[in-house]
C-alpha atoms as a PDB file:
ATOM      1  CA  MET A   1      74.077  23.986 197.702  1.00  0.00           C
ATOM      2  CA  ALA A   2      74.528  23.209 194.003  1.00  0.00           C
ATOM      3  CA  LEU A   3      73.262  19.759 193.098  1.00  0.00           C
ATOM      4  CA  GLN A   4      74.336  19.782 189.451  1.00  0.00           C
ATOM      5  CA  LEU A   5      76.932  21.664 187.447  1.00  0.00           C
ATOM      6  CA  LYS A   6      77.256  21.963 183.665  1.00  0.00           C
ATOM      7  CA  SER A   7      80.385  23.019 181.826  1.00  0.00           C
ATOM      8  CA  GLN A   8      81.423  23.744 178.259  1.00  0.00           C
ATOM      9  CA  ASP A   9      84.665  24.178 176.344  1.00  0.00           C
ATOM     10  CA  GLN A  10      86.510  27.439 175.964  1.00  0.00           C
ATOM     11  CA  GLN A  11      85.152  29.553 173.154  1.00  0.00           C
ATOM     12  CA  TYR A  12      86.543  32.592 171.407  1.00  0.00           C
ATOM     13  CA  THR A  13      84.876  35.242 169.313  1.00  0.00           C
ATOM     14  CA  GLN A  14      88.035  35.322 167.200  1.00  0.00           C
ATOM     15  CA  PHE A  15      87.880  31.568 166.649  1.00  0.00           C
ATOM     16  CA  TYR A  16      90.013  31.699 163.493  1.00  0.00           C
ATOM     17  CA  THR A  17      92.888  33.011 165.612  1.00  0.00           C
ATOM     18  CA  ALA A  18      92.502  29.911 167.808  1.00  0.00           C
ATOM     19  CA  PRO A  19      92.205  27.465 164.885  1.00  0.00           C
ATOM     20  CA  MET A  20      93.329  24.354 166.793  1.00  0.00           C
ATOM     21  CA  LEU A  21      90.381  24.766 169.160  1.00  0.00           C
ATOM     22  CA  LEU A  22      88.052  24.953 166.167  1.00  0.00           C
ATOM     23  CA  ASN A  23      89.272  22.095 164.003  1.00  0.00           C
ATOM     24  CA  PRO A  24      92.500  20.015 164.034  1.00  0.00           C
ATOM     25  CA  ALA A  25      92.427  20.130 160.228  1.00  0.00           C
ATOM     26  CA  PHE A  26      93.671  23.735 160.469  1.00  0.00           C
ATOM     27  CA  ALA A  27      97.086  22.398 161.531  1.00  0.00           C
ATOM     28  CA  GLY A  28      99.569  23.624 158.959  1.00  0.00           C
ATOM     29  CA  THR A  29      97.273  25.955 157.015  1.00  0.00           C
ATOM     30  CA  SER A  30      99.795  28.801 156.996  1.00  0.00           C
ATOM     31  CA  ILE A  31     102.627  29.001 154.476  1.00  0.00           C
ATOM     32  CA  GLN A  32     105.024  27.290 156.891  1.00  0.00           C
ATOM     33  CA  SER A  33     104.992  28.071 160.655  1.00  0.00           C
ATOM     34  CA  ARG A  34     102.519  29.934 162.853  1.00  0.00           C
ATOM     35  CA  VAL A  35     102.258  30.961 166.506  1.00  0.00           C
ATOM     36  CA  ALA A  36      98.875  32.042 167.911  1.00  0.00           C
ATOM     37  CA  MET A  37      98.073  33.484 171.359  1.00  0.00           C
ATOM     38  CA  ASN A  38      94.635  34.318 172.733  1.00  0.00           C
ATOM     39  CA  TYR A  39      93.248  35.967 175.851  1.00  0.00           C
ATOM     40  CA  ARG A  40      89.560  36.287 176.766  1.00  0.00           C
ATOM     41  CA  ASN A  41      87.964  37.961 179.799  1.00  0.00           C
ATOM     42  CA  GLN A  42      84.262  37.135 179.849  1.00  0.00           C
ATOM     43  CA  TRP A  43      81.680  39.043 181.942  1.00  0.00           C
ATOM     44  CA  PRO A  44      84.292  41.120 183.816  1.00  0.00           C
ATOM     45  CA  GLN A  45      81.679  43.007 185.883  1.00  0.00           C
ATOM     46  CA  LEU A  46      80.564  39.793 187.541  1.00  0.00           C
ATOM     47  CA  PRO A  47      82.687  38.838 190.553  1.00  0.00           C
ATOM     48  CA  ARG A  48      85.714  36.979 189.237  1.00  0.00           C
ATOM     49  CA  ALA A  49      84.054  35.451 186.204  1.00  0.00           C
ATOM     50  CA  PHE A  50      85.782  33.558 183.377  1.00  0.00           C
ATOM     51  CA  VAL A  51      89.304  34.125 182.050  1.00  0.00           C
ATOM     52  CA  SER A  52      90.784  31.970 179.272  1.00  0.00           C
ATOM     53  CA  TYR A  53      94.201  31.669 177.672  1.00  0.00           C
ATOM     54  CA  ASN A  54      95.292  29.724 174.602  1.00  0.00           C
ATOM     55  CA  PHE A  55      98.601  29.122 172.828  1.00  0.00           C
ATOM     56  CA  SER A  56      99.284  27.131 169.683  1.00  0.00           C
ATOM     57  CA  PHE A  57     102.126  26.414 167.280  1.00  0.00           C
ATOM     58  CA  ASP A  58     101.640  24.698 163.937  1.00  0.00           C
ATOM     59  CA  HIS A  59     103.862  23.867 160.980  1.00  0.00           C
ATOM     60  CA  PHE A  60     103.360  22.590 157.439  1.00  0.00           C
ATOM     61  CA  PHE A  61     105.757  19.969 156.023  1.00  0.00           C
ATOM     62  CA  ALA A  62     105.388  20.462 152.284  1.00  0.00           C
ATOM     63  CA  ASP A  63     107.378  17.362 151.306  1.00  0.00           C
ATOM     64  CA  VAL A  64     104.916  15.026 153.045  1.00  0.00           C
ATOM     65  CA  LYS A  65     101.843  17.300 152.690  1.00  0.00           C
ATOM     66  CA  SER A  66     101.279  17.223 156.443  1.00  0.00           C
ATOM     67  CA  GLY A  67     100.475  19.750 159.129  1.00  0.00           C
ATOM     68  CA  VAL A  68     101.249  19.272 162.821  1.00  0.00           C
ATOM     69  CA  ALA A  69     100.310  21.438 165.781  1.00  0.00           C
ATOM     70  CA  LEU A  70     100.659  21.804 169.527  1.00  0.00           C
ATOM     71  CA  ASN A  71      97.906  23.530 171.486  1.00  0.00           C
ATOM     72  CA  VAL A  72      97.863  24.524 175.178  1.00  0.00           C
ATOM     73  CA  SER A  73      94.751  25.946 176.868  1.00  0.00           C
ATOM     74  CA  HIS A  74      94.024  27.151 180.382  1.00  0.00           C
ATOM     75  CA  ASP A  75      90.995  28.768 181.962  1.00  0.00           C
ATOM     76  CA  ARG A  76      89.807  29.623 185.435  1.00  0.00           C
ATOM     77  CA  ALA A  77      86.453  30.600 186.855  1.00  0.00           C
ATOM     78  CA  GLY A  78      85.022  32.306 189.911  1.00  0.00           C
ATOM     79  CA  THR A  79      87.533  32.875 192.680  1.00  0.00           C
ATOM     80  CA  GLY A  80      90.110  30.953 190.684  1.00  0.00           C
ATOM     81  CA  ALA A  81      89.275  27.819 192.632  1.00  0.00           C
ATOM     82  CA  LEU A  82      88.181  25.962 189.495  1.00  0.00           C
ATOM     83  CA  SER A  83      90.720  25.688 186.677  1.00  0.00           C
ATOM     84  CA  SER A  84      91.159  23.554 183.575  1.00  0.00           C
ATOM     85  CA  THR A  85      94.267  22.893 181.509  1.00  0.00           C
ATOM     86  CA  SER A  86      94.644  20.895 178.303  1.00  0.00           C
ATOM     87  CA  VAL A  87      97.519  19.995 175.996  1.00  0.00           C
ATOM     88  CA  SER A  88      96.869  18.482 172.575  1.00  0.00           C
ATOM     89  CA  LEU A  89      98.700  17.392 169.432  1.00  0.00           C
ATOM     90  CA  HIS A  90      97.099  17.640 165.973  1.00  0.00           C
ATOM     91  CA  TYR A  91      97.942  16.006 162.674  1.00  0.00           C
ATOM     92  CA  ALA A  92      96.402  16.847 159.284  1.00  0.00           C
ATOM     93  CA  TYR A  93      97.131  15.424 155.841  1.00  0.00           C
ATOM     94  CA  GLU A  94      96.448  17.489 152.735  1.00  0.00           C
ATOM     95  CA  PHE A  95      95.641  16.217 149.269  1.00  0.00           C
ATOM     96  CA  ASN A  96      93.870  17.485 146.163  1.00  0.00           C
ATOM     97  CA  LEU A  97      90.383  16.365 145.177  1.00  0.00           C
ATOM     98  CA  THR A  98      90.653  18.326 141.932  1.00  0.00           C
ATOM     99  CA  ARG A  99      93.052  20.948 140.634  1.00  0.00           C
ATOM    100  CA  GLN A 100      91.030  23.623 142.442  1.00  0.00           C
ATOM    101  CA  VAL A 101      89.735  21.814 145.557  1.00  0.00           C
ATOM    102  CA  SER A 102      91.808  20.398 148.433  1.00  0.00           C
ATOM    103  CA  ILE A 103      90.784  18.309 151.443  1.00  0.00           C
ATOM    104  CA  ARG A 104      92.398  17.859 154.856  1.00  0.00           C
ATOM    105  CA  PRO A 105      91.376  15.023 157.239  1.00  0.00           C
ATOM    106  CA  ALA A 106      92.860  15.338 160.726  1.00  0.00           C
ATOM    107  CA  VAL A 107      93.085  13.753 164.167  1.00  0.00           C
ATOM    108  CA  THR A 108      93.948  15.088 167.602  1.00  0.00           C
ATOM    109  CA  ILE A 109      95.074  13.454 170.818  1.00  0.00           C
ATOM    110  CA  GLY A 110      95.266  15.348 174.080  1.00  0.00           C
ATOM    111  CA  TYR A 111      95.510  15.347 177.833  1.00  0.00           C
ATOM    112  CA  GLY A 112      93.230  17.346 180.097  1.00  0.00           C
ATOM    113  CA  SER A 113      93.367  18.253 183.763  1.00  0.00           C
ATOM    114  CA  ASP A 114      90.755  19.889 186.021  1.00  0.00           C
ATOM    115  CA  PHE A 115      91.412  21.123 189.543  1.00  0.00           C
ATOM    116  CA  LEU A 116      89.276  22.603 192.301  1.00  0.00           C
ATOM    117  CA  ASP A 117      91.191  24.403 195.042  1.00  0.00           C
ATOM    118  CA  ILE A 118      88.791  23.874 197.931  1.00  0.00           C
ATOM    119  CA  ASP A 119      90.857  26.137 200.194  1.00  0.00           C
ATOM    120  CA  ARG A 120      89.501  29.046 198.132  1.00  0.00           C
ATOM    121  CA  LEU A 121      85.911  28.031 198.787  1.00  0.00           C
ATOM    122  CA  THR A 122      83.740  29.128 201.687  1.00  0.00           C
ATOM    123  CA  PHE A 123      81.403  26.505 203.113  1.00  0.00           C
ATOM    124  CA  GLY A 124      78.114  27.233 204.832  1.00  0.00           C
ATOM    125  CA  ASP A 125      79.192  26.428 208.361  1.00  0.00           C
ATOM    126  CA  GLN A 126      82.139  28.839 208.082  1.00  0.00           C
ATOM    127  CA  LEU A 127      79.661  31.656 207.564  1.00  0.00           C
ATOM    128  CA  ALA A 128      77.364  30.444 210.306  1.00  0.00           C
ATOM    129  CA  ARG A 129      80.193  30.182 212.833  1.00  0.00           C
ATOM    130  CA  GLN A 130      81.634  33.542 211.738  1.00  0.00           C
ATOM    131  CA  GLU A 131      85.188  32.384 212.292  1.00  0.00           C
ATOM    132  CA  ASP A 132      88.224  33.756 210.544  1.00  0.00           C
ATOM    133  CA  GLY A 133      89.837  30.374 209.982  1.00  0.00           C
ATOM    134  CA  VAL A 134      89.585  28.211 206.895  1.00  0.00           C
ATOM    135  CA  THR A 135      88.540  25.017 208.663  1.00  0.00           C
ATOM    136  CA  THR A 136      85.066  23.613 208.218  1.00  0.00           C
ATOM    137  CA  LEU A 137      83.025  20.734 209.560  1.00  0.00           C
ATOM    138  CA  ASP A 138      80.932  20.581 206.396  1.00  0.00           C
ATOM    139  CA  PRO A 139      81.070  16.965 205.108  1.00  0.00           C
ATOM    140  CA  ASP A 140      80.756  18.224 201.515  1.00  0.00           C
ATOM    141  CA  ARG A 141      84.403  19.277 201.640  1.00  0.00           C
ATOM    142  CA  ALA A 142      85.535  15.661 201.831  1.00  0.00           C
ATOM    143  CA  ARG A 143      83.649  14.820 198.629  1.00  0.00           C
ATOM    144  CA  PHE A 144      85.996  16.865 196.434  1.00  0.00           C
ATOM    145  CA  GLN A 145      89.184  15.521 194.887  1.00  0.00           C
ATOM    146  CA  GLN A 146      92.292  16.838 196.609  1.00  0.00           C
ATOM    147  CA  SER A 147      94.403  16.545 193.452  1.00  0.00           C
ATOM    148  CA  PRO A 148      93.819  17.357 189.763  1.00  0.00           C
ATOM    149  CA  VAL A 149      91.581  15.054 187.738  1.00  0.00           C
ATOM    150  CA  ALA A 150      93.398  14.003 184.546  1.00  0.00           C
ATOM    151  CA  TYR A 151      92.056  12.314 181.422  1.00  0.00           C
ATOM    152  CA  PRO A 152      92.966  11.503 177.793  1.00  0.00           C
ATOM    153  CA  ASP A 153      91.048  13.284 175.060  1.00  0.00           C
ATOM    154  CA  PHE A 154      90.562  12.528 171.352  1.00  0.00           C
ATOM    155  CA  GLY A 155      89.081  14.333 168.373  1.00  0.00           C
ATOM    156  CA  THR A 156      88.920  14.489 164.591  1.00  0.00           C
ATOM    157  CA  GLY A 157      88.192  16.992 161.849  1.00  0.00           C
ATOM    158  CA  LEU A 158      87.817  17.560 158.127  1.00  0.00           C
ATOM    159  CA  LEU A 159      88.401  20.637 155.994  1.00  0.00           C
ATOM    160  CA  ILE A 160      87.641  21.286 152.315  1.00  0.00           C
ATOM    161  CA  TYR A 161      88.804  24.457 150.597  1.00  0.00           C
ATOM    162  CA  ALA A 162      89.385  26.127 147.265  1.00  0.00           C
ATOM    163  CA  GLU A 163      90.571  29.566 146.196  1.00  0.00           C
ATOM    164  CA  LYS A 164      87.430  31.374 147.371  1.00  0.00           C
ATOM    165  CA  PHE A 165      85.719  29.169 149.975  1.00  0.00           C
ATOM    166  CA  TRP A 166      86.283  26.799 152.870  1.00  0.00           C
ATOM    167  CA  LEU A 167      84.032  24.352 154.741  1.00  0.00           C
ATOM    168  CA  GLY A 168      84.925  22.289 157.779  1.00  0.00           C
ATOM    169  CA  ALA A 169      83.574  20.030 160.513  1.00  0.00           C
ATOM    170  CA  SER A 170      85.093  18.713 163.722  1.00  0.00           C
ATOM    171  CA  VAL A 171      84.299  16.521 166.727  1.00  0.00           C
ATOM    172  CA  PHE A 172      86.165  16.932 170.019  1.00  0.00           C
ATOM    173  CA  HIS A 173      86.008  14.700 173.141  1.00  0.00           C
ATOM    174  CA  ILE A 174      85.051  11.629 171.111  1.00  0.00           C
ATOM    175  CA  ASN A 175      85.756   9.441 174.150  1.00  0.00           C
ATOM    176  CA  GLU A 176      83.677  11.709 176.451  1.00  0.00           C
ATOM    177  CA  PRO A 177      86.284  11.651 179.254  1.00  0.00           C
ATOM    178  CA  VAL A 178      85.223  11.521 182.895  1.00  0.00           C
ATOM    179  CA  GLN A 179      86.110  14.797 184.620  1.00  0.00           C
ATOM    180  CA  SER A 180      84.216  14.511 187.892  1.00  0.00           C
ATOM    181  CA  LEU A 181      85.769  16.371 190.825  1.00  0.00           C
ATOM    182  CA  THR A 182      83.854  14.243 193.331  1.00  0.00           C
ATOM    183  CA  GLY A 183      84.637  10.764 191.995  1.00  0.00           C
ATOM    184  CA  GLY A 184      81.319  10.489 190.144  1.00  0.00           C
ATOM    185  CA  GLU A 185      80.536   9.722 186.500  1.00  0.00           C
ATOM    186  CA  SER A 186      80.366  13.275 185.148  1.00  0.00           C
ATOM    187  CA  VAL A 187      81.627  13.276 181.550  1.00  0.00           C
ATOM    188  CA  LEU A 188      82.778  15.981 179.163  1.00  0.00           C
ATOM    189  CA  PRO A 189      80.233  15.874 176.291  1.00  0.00           C
ATOM    190  CA  ARG A 190      81.306  15.658 172.674  1.00  0.00           C
ATOM    191  CA  ARG A 191      81.559  19.016 170.932  1.00  0.00           C
ATOM    192  CA  PHE A 192      80.499  19.235 167.300  1.00  0.00           C
ATOM    193  CA  SER A 193      81.334  22.153 165.030  1.00  0.00           C
ATOM    194  CA  ALA A 194      80.509  23.057 161.428  1.00  0.00           C
ATOM    195  CA  HIS A 195      82.109  26.170 159.967  1.00  0.00           C
ATOM    196  CA  GLY A 196      82.857  27.818 156.664  1.00  0.00           C
ATOM    197  CA  GLY A 197      82.812  30.938 154.583  1.00  0.00           C
ATOM    198  CA  VAL A 198      83.617  32.577 151.285  1.00  0.00           C
ATOM    199  CA  ARG A 199      86.116  35.282 150.313  1.00  0.00           C
ATOM    200  CA  LEU A 200      84.745  37.859 147.886  1.00  0.00           C
ATOM    201  CA  LYS A 201      87.034  40.360 146.179  1.00  0.00           C
ATOM    202  CA  LEU A 202      85.674  43.914 146.076  1.00  0.00           C
ATOM    203  CA  SER A 203      88.555  45.608 144.289  1.00  0.00           C
ATOM    204  CA  GLU A 204      92.016  45.038 142.891  1.00  0.00           C
ATOM    205  CA  VAL A 205      95.185  46.827 143.874  1.00  0.00           C
ATOM    206  CA  GLY A 206      95.478  50.103 141.959  1.00  0.00           C
ATOM    207  CA  ALA A 207      97.673  53.171 141.883  1.00  0.00           C
ATOM    208  CA  PHE A 208      95.482  54.907 144.470  1.00  0.00           C
ATOM    209  CA  SER A 209      93.684  51.992 146.097  1.00  0.00           C
ATOM    210  CA  LYS A 210      94.333  48.778 147.971  1.00  0.00           C
ATOM    211  CA  ARG A 211      92.801  45.356 147.530  1.00  0.00           C
ATOM    212  CA  GLN A 212      89.532  44.937 149.406  1.00  0.00           C
ATOM    213  CA  PHE A 213      87.639  41.799 150.441  1.00  0.00           C
ATOM    214  CA  ILE A 214      84.433  40.972 152.252  1.00  0.00           C
ATOM    215  CA  VAL A 215      84.381  37.585 153.982  1.00  0.00           C
ATOM    216  CA  PRO A 216      80.996  36.230 155.175  1.00  0.00           C
ATOM    217  CA  ALA A 217      81.429  33.250 157.518  1.00  0.00           C
ATOM    218  CA  PHE A 218      79.663  31.084 160.088  1.00  0.00           C
ATOM    219  CA  ASN A 219      80.406  28.671 162.922  1.00  0.00           C
ATOM    220  CA  TYR A 220      77.790  26.343 164.423  1.00  0.00           C
ATOM    221  CA  GLN A 221      78.659  24.488 167.639  1.00  0.00           C
ATOM    222  CA  ARG A 222      76.842  21.927 169.742  1.00  0.00           C
ATOM    223  CA  GLN A 223      77.927  20.399 173.050  1.00  0.00           C
ATOM    224  CA  GLY A 224      75.581  18.360 175.201  1.00  0.00           C
ATOM    225  CA  LEU A 225      72.254  20.177 175.435  1.00  0.00           C
ATOM    226  CA  PHE A 226      73.705  23.503 174.300  1.00  0.00           C
ATOM    227  CA  ASP A 227      74.211  24.872 170.809  1.00  0.00           C
ATOM    228  CA  GLN A 228      74.869  28.212 169.164  1.00  0.00           C
ATOM    229  CA  LEU A 229      75.492  29.838 165.818  1.00  0.00           C
ATOM    230  CA  ASP A 230      78.058  32.567 165.150  1.00  0.00           C
ATOM    231  CA  LEU A 231      77.169  34.418 161.964  1.00  0.00           C
ATOM    232  CA  GLY A 232      78.955  37.452 160.598  1.00  0.00           C
ATOM    233  CA  PHE A 233      81.422  38.949 158.168  1.00  0.00           C
ATOM    234  CA  TYR A 234      84.814  40.620 157.907  1.00  0.00           C
ATOM    235  CA  TYR A 235      85.785  43.604 155.785  1.00  0.00           C
ATOM    236  CA  GLU A 236      89.458  43.639 154.798  1.00  0.00           C
ATOM    237  CA  TYR A 237      91.176  46.787 153.574  1.00  0.00           C
ATOM    238  CA  ASP A 238      94.875  46.144 153.957  1.00  0.00           C
ATOM    239  CA  PRO A 239      96.193  46.419 156.640  1.00  0.00           C
ATOM    240  CA  ILE A 240      92.884  46.915 158.552  1.00  0.00           C
ATOM    241  CA  ILE A 241      90.283  44.201 159.199  1.00  0.00           C
ATOM    242  CA  LEU A 242      86.845  44.995 160.644  1.00  0.00           C
ATOM    243  CA  GLY A 243      84.279  42.421 161.735  1.00  0.00           C
ATOM    244  CA  LEU A 244      80.687  42.236 162.944  1.00  0.00           C
ATOM    245  CA  TRP A 245      79.164  39.060 164.426  1.00  0.00           C
ATOM    246  CA  TYR A 246      75.914  37.832 165.958  1.00  0.00           C
ATOM    247  CA  ARG A 247      75.757  34.846 168.314  1.00  0.00           C
ATOM    248  CA  GLY A 248      72.484  33.044 168.952  1.00  0.00           C
ATOM    249  CA  LEU A 249      69.694  30.912 167.506  1.00  0.00           C
ATOM    250  CA  PRO A 250      66.653  33.214 167.651  1.00  0.00           C
ATOM    251  CA  GLY A 251      63.316  31.708 166.686  1.00  0.00           C
ATOM    252  CA  LEU A 252      64.699  28.183 166.759  1.00  0.00           C
ATOM    253  CA  LYS A 253      65.242  27.582 170.453  1.00  0.00           C
ATOM    254  CA  GLN A 254      64.357  29.235 173.741  1.00  0.00           C
ATOM    255  CA  ASN A 255      64.846  28.421 177.396  1.00  0.00           C
ATOM    256  CA  ALA A 256      62.345  27.391 180.061  1.00  0.00           C
ATOM    257  CA  ASN A 257      61.531  31.065 180.748  1.00  0.00           C
ATOM    258  CA  SER A 258      60.600  31.608 177.076  1.00  0.00           C
ATOM    259  CA  SER A 259      63.611  33.883 176.549  1.00  0.00           C
ATOM    260  CA  ILE A 260      64.968  33.710 173.013  1.00  0.00           C
ATOM    261  CA  ASN A 261      68.266  31.957 172.452  1.00  0.00           C
ATOM    262  CA  GLN A 262      70.750  34.751 171.833  1.00  0.00           C
ATOM    263  CA  ASP A 263      73.993  35.718 173.478  1.00  0.00           C
ATOM    264  CA  ALA A 264      75.930  38.616 171.993  1.00  0.00           C
ATOM    265  CA  LEU A 265      76.803  41.033 169.229  1.00  0.00           C
ATOM    266  CA  ALA A 266      80.537  41.225 168.643  1.00  0.00           C
ATOM    267  CA  VAL A 267      82.653  43.889 166.965  1.00  0.00           C
ATOM    268  CA  LEU A 268      86.242  43.267 165.917  1.00  0.00           C
ATOM    269  CA  VAL A 269      89.159  45.317 164.690  1.00  0.00           C
ATOM    270  CA  GLY A 270      92.382  43.805 163.460  1.00  0.00           C
ATOM    271  CA  TYR A 271      95.667  45.095 162.112  1.00  0.00           C
ATOM    272  CA  GLU A 272      98.157  43.180 159.987  1.00  0.00           C
ATOM    273  CA  ILE A 273     101.756  44.230 159.613  1.00  0.00           C
ATOM    274  CA  ASN A 274     104.477  42.121 158.009  1.00  0.00           C
ATOM    275  CA  ASN A 275     104.163  38.654 159.559  1.00  0.00           C
ATOM    276  CA  MET A 276     102.019  39.679 162.535  1.00  0.00           C
ATOM    277  CA  LYS A 277      98.267  40.056 163.066  1.00  0.00           C
ATOM    278  CA  ILE A 278      96.809  41.740 166.161  1.00  0.00           C
ATOM    279  CA  GLY A 279      93.093  41.612 166.911  1.00  0.00           C
ATOM    280  CA  TYR A 280      90.736  42.989 169.538  1.00  0.00           C
ATOM    281  CA  SER A 281      87.050  42.178 169.883  1.00  0.00           C
ATOM    282  CA  TYR A 282      84.282  43.105 172.288  1.00  0.00           C
ATOM    283  CA  ASP A 283      81.137  41.067 172.880  1.00  0.00           C
ATOM    284  CA  LEU A 284      78.097  43.163 173.761  1.00  0.00           C
ATOM    285  CA  THR A 285      75.866  40.815 175.727  1.00  0.00           C
ATOM    286  CA  ILE A 286      72.254  40.897 174.528  1.00  0.00           C
ATOM    287  CA  SER A 287      70.905  38.098 176.715  1.00  0.00           C
ATOM    288  CA  SER A 288      69.279  38.693 180.107  1.00  0.00           C
ATOM    289  CA  LEU A 289      72.767  39.324 181.551  1.00  0.00           C
ATOM    290  CA  THR A 290      73.062  42.596 179.588  1.00  0.00           C
ATOM    291  CA  PRO A 291      72.939  45.127 182.467  1.00  0.00           C
ATOM    292  CA  ASN A 292      75.492  43.413 184.654  1.00  0.00           C
ATOM    293  CA  SER A 293      77.891  41.252 182.662  1.00  0.00           C
ATOM    294  CA  GLY A 294      80.307  43.776 181.184  1.00  0.00           C
ATOM    295  CA  GLY A 295      80.389  41.787 177.936  1.00  0.00           C
ATOM    296  CA  ALA A 296      83.663  40.131 176.978  1.00  0.00           C
ATOM    297  CA  HIS A 297      87.073  41.432 175.928  1.00  0.00           C
ATOM    298  CA  GLU A 298      89.327  39.390 173.699  1.00  0.00           C
ATOM    299  CA  LEU A 299      92.861  39.909 172.394  1.00  0.00           C
ATOM    300  CA  SER A 300      94.736  37.803 169.851  1.00  0.00           C
ATOM    301  CA  ILE A 301      98.211  37.823 168.327  1.00  0.00           C
ATOM    302  CA  ILE A 302      99.310  35.663 165.401  1.00  0.00           C
ATOM    303  CA  MET A 303     102.831  35.489 163.986  1.00  0.00           C
ATOM    304  CA  GLU A 304     103.745  33.583 160.826  1.00  0.00           C
ATOM    305  CA  PHE A 305     107.230  32.553 159.731  1.00  0.00           C
ATOM    306  CA  ALA A 306     108.419  31.136 156.412  1.00  0.00           C
ATOM    307  CA  SER A 307     111.597  30.866 154.404  1.00  0.00           C
ATOM    308  CA  LYS A 308     111.750  32.475 150.964  1.00  0.00           C
ATOM    309  CA  LYS A 309     111.618  29.015 149.409  1.00  0.00           C
ATOM    310  CA  SER A 310     108.476  28.072 151.369  1.00  0.00           C
ATOM    311  CA  LYS A 311     106.752  31.357 150.540  1.00  0.00           C
ATOM    312  CA  LYS A 312     107.264  30.756 146.845  1.00  0.00           C
ATOM    313  CA  LYS A 313     106.425  27.051 146.967  1.00  0.00           C
ATOM    314  CA  ASN A 314     103.358  27.162 149.223  1.00  0.00           C
ATOM    315  CA  LYS A 315     101.785  30.503 148.354  1.00  0.00           C
ATOM    316  CA  ARG A 316      99.148  28.923 146.099  1.00  0.00           C
ATOM    317  CA  ARG A 317      97.882  26.572 148.839  1.00  0.00           C
ATOM    318  CA  VAL A 318      97.155  29.195 151.525  1.00  0.00           C
ATOM    319  CA  MET A 319      93.530  28.941 152.615  1.00  0.00           C
ATOM    320  CA  PRO A 320      91.041  31.746 151.962  1.00  0.00           C
ATOM    321  CA  CYS A 321      89.590  31.581 155.492  1.00  0.00           C
ATOM    322  CA  ALA A 322      89.097  34.612 157.699  1.00  0.00           C
ATOM    323  CA  LYS A 323      92.140  36.118 159.387  1.00  0.00           C
ATOM    324  CA  PHE A 324      90.380  36.625 162.732  1.00  0.00           C
END
């Protein structure tokens, strides 16, 4: 019997295609409107592991220098008995520190819900009795909530950017909401993130060549006792984007078994056409799960919409951050 469970937020290798999960200050960082959709299947070779979905819509109101966003997330684990859903609203205000540097403070307010479908679980006495029914005499069954556990959720973020760089920080679950499925005091720990990067031009558009960029970037996250660093780069050669990432903190932390703190190497390929970006990434697990996990598959789609007036008016304020 499990005496203690630990959980963490959804995470995506293509975290810049799920910007509202990374930092609410990304609300309204497209020219006008943006729709983003994400799917992640983690460790598919393990029996019914982790599947996550995310959807967001954000819009920039140029007249009031404000970005707003709606984000909806859902994930399920194991047999599908345990699921989590969250809905959040983000607001960011944009102003100039200098002629070249802009800053965006932001807040988010949300609503979360966790549910455990105990009818999909098998208790010990069901196995011992070898019955086909779903009934059980195990008193542990009565400890679980029979309805979803709901809670409010709050966060904040800050983003600074210029023509060639960006740097941000965010805090989610500031109120550390209680999400216990047994009526206890289990809380969702605060999640801290620091992220940034720089866009370096390799070549200009020419008669026989296209503009090329290399974009080194990072994302450090900490939640409860767990932390990780994503470090990598993108190579952009319109309309193709390639990426290579490493996730871990080798040499800085290790677990009780003296195994180094590392998780995965990730490769990414993206394609941009007109107002749409499509990305696929695969995480090659390099932790002790390597032989059996199956890594992680991730798919993202982003669509951006803007009127001709907005494209002309807001083109200079588009952030230099990574596209995937």
